[in-house]
Amino acid sequence: MMGPQRDIQRERLFYIEFLALFVGQVSRKDLVSRFGISEPAATKDLSLYAELVPGMLRYDLRQKCYVLGEGEPYFEHDPEQALYSLAGERAIAMDTEHARRLPSWVNSSIKRDVPLSVVAAITRCIYQRRKMAVRYGSLSTGARERVLSPVALVNDGLRWHIRCFAHEHDEFRDYNLARFSTVSVSDPSDVSLNEDREWNTEVRLRLVPHPKAKHPETISLDYGITDGAKYVTLRACLVGYFLRHWHIDFSDEATGDPKAQQLFLDNKRDLREAGVPNWAFEQELS
């Protein structure tokens, strides 16, 4: 049976591989800041991992860190857990059950499991600011080759999206992670997230109990509504996902079913004027 110290070291080796796969590089500083170990200890861990998985890491003199090589991963990685960790929502660890838990159920996804290689290539492109050559399927045009510059991760509560600059359209768009079938890391990209107007524009949603609700006071209790409305600040490009995830009625005349759509968007016109894209208010999404 593996002892506590050996377990801790394996956790550090797992983290080395995680960074190499999903970020593309790892340094002693990463281990020192994550685990509170000394630089000599971090050097020893990196050397041990390099011996354990030959070819997976190579040292880059210019960047003064290890970068991803051509080897195969030693540990198993859960792409979903990795994405949440990269988004800052969960700590990354070998054993996702290590924390104390209560009996519970969390809504499960029926979306396809995206291959680790596809997810890791996308996250490396975001971190390293590189273009990616992909095969991506859409409901309107089917599967075809595209060149994208990914800039951010988005989770709408139901699925993961990749915010990208679409070079053929010369604009920023969202791409459903489950629709990527192949991804190849390509040339360096000069696209910056700072150029994405919809990402950098914040808007304020005014949400009220549905005007046709029989007991609006119960809805107010559910959502912590005081003084008649609840305000939510979002990036302009995320409004459409938010409205659908929370089943909010965004029709012009509150024509939705108050039993299914307990909240109503009360400032739709203001949001349009502030820069929220038109697709956010369309009933059907492609």
Protein backbone atom coordinates (compact mmCIF):
# COMPACT_ATOMS: atom_id res chain seq x y z
CA MET A 1 0.00 0.00 0.00
CA MET A 2 1.34 3.41 -0.93
CA GLY A 3 2.31 5.65 2.01
CA PRO A 4 1.15 9.24 2.57
CA GLN A 5 4.41 10.77 1.36
CA ARG A 6 4.35 8.71 -1.82
CA ASP A 7 0.71 9.69 -2.39
CA ILE A 8 1.63 13.36 -2.08
CA GLN A 9 4.47 12.96 -4.55
CA ARG A 10 2.17 11.22 -7.06
CA GLU A 11 -0.21 14.14 -6.70
CA ARG A 12 2.62 16.48 -7.68
CA LEU A 13 3.55 14.27 -10.64
CA PHE A 14 -0.10 14.30 -11.72
CA TYR A 15 -0.10 18.11 -11.56
CA ILE A 16 3.04 18.28 -13.68
CA GLU A 17 1.34 16.23 -16.37
CA PHE A 18 -1.89 18.23 -16.07
CA LEU A 19 -0.07 21.51 -16.76
CA ALA A 20 1.94 19.99 -19.60
CA LEU A 21 -1.20 18.65 -21.28
CA PHE A 22 -3.64 21.50 -20.83
CA VAL A 23 -1.35 24.53 -20.64
CA GLY A 24 1.62 23.27 -22.62
CA GLN A 25 4.32 24.08 -20.09
CA VAL A 26 5.32 23.58 -16.45
CA SER A 27 8.04 25.06 -14.26
CA ARG A 28 9.48 24.67 -10.78
CA LYS A 29 7.60 27.80 -9.75
CA ASP A 30 4.28 26.10 -10.56
CA LEU A 31 5.04 23.30 -8.08
CA VAL A 32 6.43 25.63 -5.43
CA SER A 33 3.32 27.85 -5.49
CA ARG A 34 0.83 24.95 -5.70
CA PHE A 35 2.33 22.64 -3.07
CA GLY A 36 4.57 24.89 -0.96
CA ILE A 37 7.70 22.80 -1.60
CA SER A 38 11.25 24.04 -2.11
CA GLU A 39 12.75 24.66 -5.56
CA PRO A 40 15.20 21.72 -5.18
CA ALA A 41 12.24 19.45 -4.35
CA ALA A 42 10.37 20.76 -7.39
CA THR A 43 13.41 20.07 -9.57
CA LYS A 44 13.53 16.52 -8.23
CA ASP A 45 9.83 15.99 -9.04
CA LEU A 46 10.27 17.26 -12.58
CA SER A 47 13.27 15.00 -13.11
CA LEU A 48 11.36 12.03 -11.70
CA TYR A 49 8.42 12.68 -14.02
CA ALA A 50 10.77 12.97 -17.00
CA GLU A 51 12.20 9.54 -16.12
CA LEU A 52 8.74 8.07 -15.56
CA VAL A 53 7.35 9.27 -18.90
CA PRO A 54 10.20 9.69 -21.41
CA GLY A 55 9.45 12.16 -24.19
CA MET A 56 6.48 13.79 -22.49
CA LEU A 57 8.50 16.83 -21.38
CA ARG A 58 11.39 18.70 -22.93
CA TYR A 59 13.25 21.64 -21.43
CA ASP A 60 12.97 24.94 -23.30
CA LEU A 61 16.04 27.09 -22.63
CA ARG A 62 14.40 30.24 -23.96
CA GLN A 63 11.34 29.98 -21.74
CA LYS A 64 13.27 28.37 -18.87
CA CYS A 65 10.59 25.76 -18.28
CA TYR A 66 9.50 22.33 -19.44
CA VAL A 67 7.16 22.19 -22.43
CA LEU A 68 4.97 19.42 -23.80
CA GLY A 69 6.81 16.84 -25.88
CA GLU A 70 5.55 13.86 -27.86
CA GLY A 71 4.95 11.26 -25.17
CA GLU A 72 1.68 9.70 -24.03
CA PRO A 73 0.08 10.72 -20.68
CA TYR A 74 0.88 8.47 -17.73
CA PHE A 75 -2.17 9.40 -15.62
CA GLU A 76 -5.86 9.42 -16.49
CA HIS A 77 -7.38 12.89 -16.84
CA ASP A 78 -11.04 13.88 -16.79
CA PRO A 79 -11.51 16.65 -19.40
CA GLU A 80 -14.59 18.01 -17.58
CA GLN A 81 -12.71 18.31 -14.30
CA ALA A 82 -9.77 19.87 -16.10
CA LEU A 83 -11.96 22.53 -17.72
CA TYR A 84 -13.55 23.47 -14.40
CA SER A 85 -10.10 23.71 -12.84
CA LEU A 86 -8.77 25.89 -15.66
CA ALA A 87 -11.84 28.11 -15.26
CA GLY A 88 -11.02 28.48 -11.56
CA GLU A 89 -14.07 26.61 -10.30
CA ARG A 90 -12.52 23.45 -8.82
CA ALA A 91 -9.15 22.29 -7.54
CA ILE A 92 -7.41 19.75 -9.74
CA ALA A 93 -6.50 16.45 -8.12
CA MET A 94 -5.92 12.80 -9.04
CA ASP A 95 -8.75 11.62 -6.81
CA THR A 96 -11.87 13.73 -7.28
CA GLU A 97 -13.47 12.02 -4.30
CA HIS A 98 -10.81 13.07 -1.78
CA ALA A 99 -13.01 15.77 -0.22
CA ARG A 100 -15.74 15.03 2.30
CA ARG A 101 -19.09 14.76 0.56
CA LEU A 102 -22.73 14.52 1.51
CA PRO A 103 -25.23 12.23 -0.21
CA SER A 104 -26.27 14.21 -3.27
CA TRP A 105 -27.09 14.27 -6.94
CA VAL A 106 -25.79 16.73 -9.50
CA ASN A 107 -27.44 16.95 -12.89
CA SER A 108 -25.54 14.80 -15.35
CA SER A 109 -24.78 15.61 -18.96
CA ILE A 110 -25.90 13.52 -21.92
CA LYS A 111 -23.51 15.34 -24.26
CA ARG A 112 -20.74 13.35 -25.94
CA ASP A 113 -17.49 12.93 -24.04
CA VAL A 114 -14.96 15.01 -25.95
CA PRO A 115 -11.58 13.25 -26.34
CA LEU A 116 -8.83 14.36 -23.98
CA SER A 117 -6.55 15.18 -26.92
CA VAL A 118 -9.11 17.61 -28.37
CA VAL A 119 -9.75 19.42 -25.08
CA ALA A 120 -6.04 19.66 -24.22
CA ALA A 121 -5.14 21.02 -27.66
CA ILE A 122 -7.80 23.75 -27.36
CA THR A 123 -6.73 24.84 -23.86
CA ARG A 124 -3.06 24.93 -24.92
CA CYS A 125 -4.01 27.17 -27.86
CA ILE A 126 -5.82 29.55 -25.50
CA TYR A 127 -2.89 29.72 -23.09
CA GLN A 128 -0.20 29.97 -25.77
CA ARG A 129 -2.24 32.29 -28.05
CA ARG A 130 -2.12 30.08 -31.09
CA LYS A 131 -4.50 29.38 -33.95
CA MET A 132 -6.03 25.95 -34.33
CA ALA A 133 -7.07 24.05 -37.44
CA VAL A 134 -10.24 22.17 -36.55
CA ARG A 135 -13.02 20.05 -37.96
CA TYR A 136 -16.24 21.40 -36.48
CA GLY A 137 -19.87 20.51 -37.08
CA SER A 138 -22.76 22.98 -37.08
CA LEU A 139 -26.49 22.52 -37.55
CA SER A 140 -26.50 24.84 -40.57
CA THR A 141 -23.40 23.82 -42.54
CA GLY A 142 -22.48 20.40 -41.19
CA ALA A 143 -18.91 19.33 -40.40
CA ARG A 144 -16.07 21.15 -42.17
CA GLU A 145 -12.56 22.50 -41.67
CA ARG A 146 -12.06 25.89 -40.00
CA VAL A 147 -9.24 28.04 -38.63
CA LEU A 148 -10.01 29.57 -35.23
CA SER A 149 -8.16 31.51 -32.55
CA PRO A 150 -9.61 30.39 -29.19
CA VAL A 151 -9.55 33.02 -26.46
CA ALA A 152 -11.74 31.87 -23.53
CA LEU A 153 -13.77 29.06 -21.95
CA VAL A 154 -17.51 29.46 -21.36
CA ASN A 155 -19.83 27.15 -19.43
CA ASP A 156 -23.50 28.02 -19.82
CA GLY A 157 -24.64 25.64 -17.09
CA LEU A 158 -25.39 22.87 -19.58
CA ARG A 159 -22.36 22.64 -21.83
CA TRP A 160 -18.92 24.06 -22.56
CA HIS A 161 -18.32 26.60 -25.29
CA ILE A 162 -15.05 27.94 -26.67
CA ARG A 163 -14.99 31.66 -27.41
CA CYS A 164 -13.01 32.04 -30.62
CA PHE A 165 -12.11 34.52 -33.32
CA ALA A 166 -13.38 33.00 -36.56
CA HIS A 167 -10.87 34.06 -39.21
CA GLU A 168 -13.16 33.29 -42.16
CA HIS A 169 -15.91 35.50 -40.71
CA ASP A 170 -13.57 38.09 -39.16
CA GLU A 171 -15.49 38.12 -35.89
CA PHE A 172 -15.69 36.52 -32.45
CA ARG A 173 -18.10 33.62 -32.09
CA ASP A 174 -18.92 30.77 -29.67
CA TYR A 175 -18.27 27.14 -30.57
CA ASN A 176 -19.84 24.16 -28.82
CA LEU A 177 -17.03 21.99 -27.42
CA ALA A 178 -18.90 18.75 -28.21
CA ARG A 179 -18.89 19.59 -31.94
CA PHE A 180 -15.10 19.60 -32.34
CA SER A 181 -13.97 16.30 -33.87
CA THR A 182 -10.31 17.15 -34.57
CA VAL A 183 -8.03 19.96 -33.39
CA SER A 184 -4.47 20.70 -34.53
CA VAL A 185 -2.34 23.40 -32.91
CA SER A 186 -1.34 25.87 -35.62
CA ASP A 187 0.50 29.18 -36.02
CA PRO A 188 0.84 31.91 -33.38
CA SER A 189 -2.21 34.18 -33.23
CA ASP A 190 -2.20 37.95 -32.79
CA VAL A 191 -5.85 37.91 -31.68
CA SER A 192 -6.47 39.28 -28.20
CA LEU A 193 -9.51 38.86 -25.97
CA ASN A 194 -9.29 42.62 -25.43
CA GLU A 195 -10.53 43.03 -29.02
CA ASP A 196 -13.74 41.11 -28.30
CA ARG A 197 -16.28 43.90 -27.79
CA GLU A 198 -19.12 41.64 -26.68
CA TRP A 199 -16.90 39.89 -24.14
CA ASN A 200 -15.64 43.17 -22.69
CA THR A 201 -19.04 44.90 -22.59
CA GLU A 202 -20.89 44.37 -19.31
CA VAL A 203 -24.66 44.77 -19.15
CA ARG A 204 -27.16 44.70 -16.29
CA LEU A 205 -30.25 42.52 -16.56
CA ARG A 206 -33.39 43.56 -14.68
CA LEU A 207 -35.35 40.44 -13.72
CA VAL A 208 -38.82 40.53 -12.16
CA PRO A 209 -41.37 37.89 -11.16
CA HIS A 210 -43.38 36.94 -14.22
CA PRO A 211 -46.23 39.49 -14.63
CA LYS A 212 -48.75 36.64 -15.03
CA ALA A 213 -47.56 34.61 -12.03
CA LYS A 214 -50.29 33.70 -9.54
CA HIS A 215 -47.99 34.15 -6.51
CA PRO A 216 -45.13 36.51 -7.43
CA GLU A 217 -44.12 36.71 -3.75
CA THR A 218 -43.07 33.03 -3.88
CA ILE A 219 -40.89 33.72 -6.92
CA SER A 220 -39.34 36.66 -5.09
CA LEU A 221 -38.50 34.35 -2.19
CA ASP A 222 -36.95 31.75 -4.53
CA TYR A 223 -34.62 34.24 -6.18
CA GLY A 224 -33.99 36.66 -3.33
CA ILE A 225 -35.78 39.50 -5.10
CA THR A 226 -36.13 42.68 -3.06
CA ASP A 227 -37.62 46.02 -4.12
CA GLY A 228 -39.38 44.34 -7.03
CA ALA A 229 -36.40 43.28 -9.17
CA LYS A 230 -33.18 41.31 -9.19
CA TYR A 231 -30.19 42.71 -11.11
CA VAL A 232 -27.56 40.50 -12.73
CA THR A 233 -24.41 41.81 -14.40
CA LEU A 234 -23.09 39.77 -17.33
CA ARG A 235 -20.81 40.00 -20.33
CA ALA A 236 -22.92 40.90 -23.37
CA CYS A 237 -22.03 37.68 -25.22
CA LEU A 238 -23.27 35.51 -22.34
CA VAL A 239 -26.78 36.93 -21.97
CA GLY A 240 -28.42 34.44 -24.34
CA TYR A 241 -27.04 31.45 -22.45
CA PHE A 242 -28.09 32.90 -19.09
CA LEU A 243 -31.67 33.55 -20.21
CA ARG A 244 -32.09 29.98 -21.43
CA HIS A 245 -30.37 28.29 -18.51
CA TRP A 246 -32.68 30.01 -16.02
CA HIS A 247 -35.78 29.66 -18.25
CA ILE A 248 -36.39 33.40 -18.26
CA ASP A 249 -39.23 34.81 -20.39
CA PHE A 250 -37.63 37.37 -22.72
CA SER A 251 -40.62 37.81 -25.02
CA ASP A 252 -41.74 41.37 -25.73
CA GLU A 253 -45.12 41.08 -23.99
CA ALA A 254 -44.45 38.41 -21.33
CA THR A 255 -46.28 35.78 -23.33
CA GLY A 256 -44.41 32.84 -21.74
CA ASP A 257 -45.91 30.34 -19.31
CA PRO A 258 -45.31 31.69 -15.77
CA LYS A 259 -45.21 28.15 -14.39
CA ALA A 260 -42.28 27.25 -16.66
CA GLN A 261 -40.71 30.71 -16.84
CA GLN A 262 -40.98 32.26 -13.41
CA LEU A 263 -38.83 35.28 -14.22
CA PHE A 264 -39.31 37.96 -16.86
CA LEU A 265 -36.62 40.12 -18.47
CA ASP A 266 -37.79 43.67 -17.91
CA ASN A 267 -35.16 45.67 -19.82
CA LYS A 268 -34.71 43.88 -23.13
CA ARG A 269 -34.64 47.11 -25.17
CA ASP A 270 -31.89 48.59 -22.98
CA LEU A 271 -29.80 45.43 -23.40
CA ARG A 272 -30.10 45.58 -27.18
CA GLU A 273 -28.95 49.19 -27.17
CA ALA A 274 -26.05 48.30 -24.86
CA GLY A 275 -24.67 45.78 -27.35
CA VAL A 276 -26.17 42.39 -26.51
CA PRO A 277 -26.17 40.43 -29.81
CA ASN A 278 -29.48 39.78 -31.56
CA TRP A 279 -29.13 35.97 -31.34
CA ALA A 280 -29.46 36.21 -27.55
CA PHE A 281 -33.15 37.02 -27.99
CA GLU A 282 -33.96 34.51 -30.72
CA GLN A 283 -36.23 31.65 -29.74
CA GLU A 284 -34.17 29.03 -31.56
CA LEU A 285 -30.38 28.71 -31.47
CA SER A 286 -28.27 27.03 -34.13
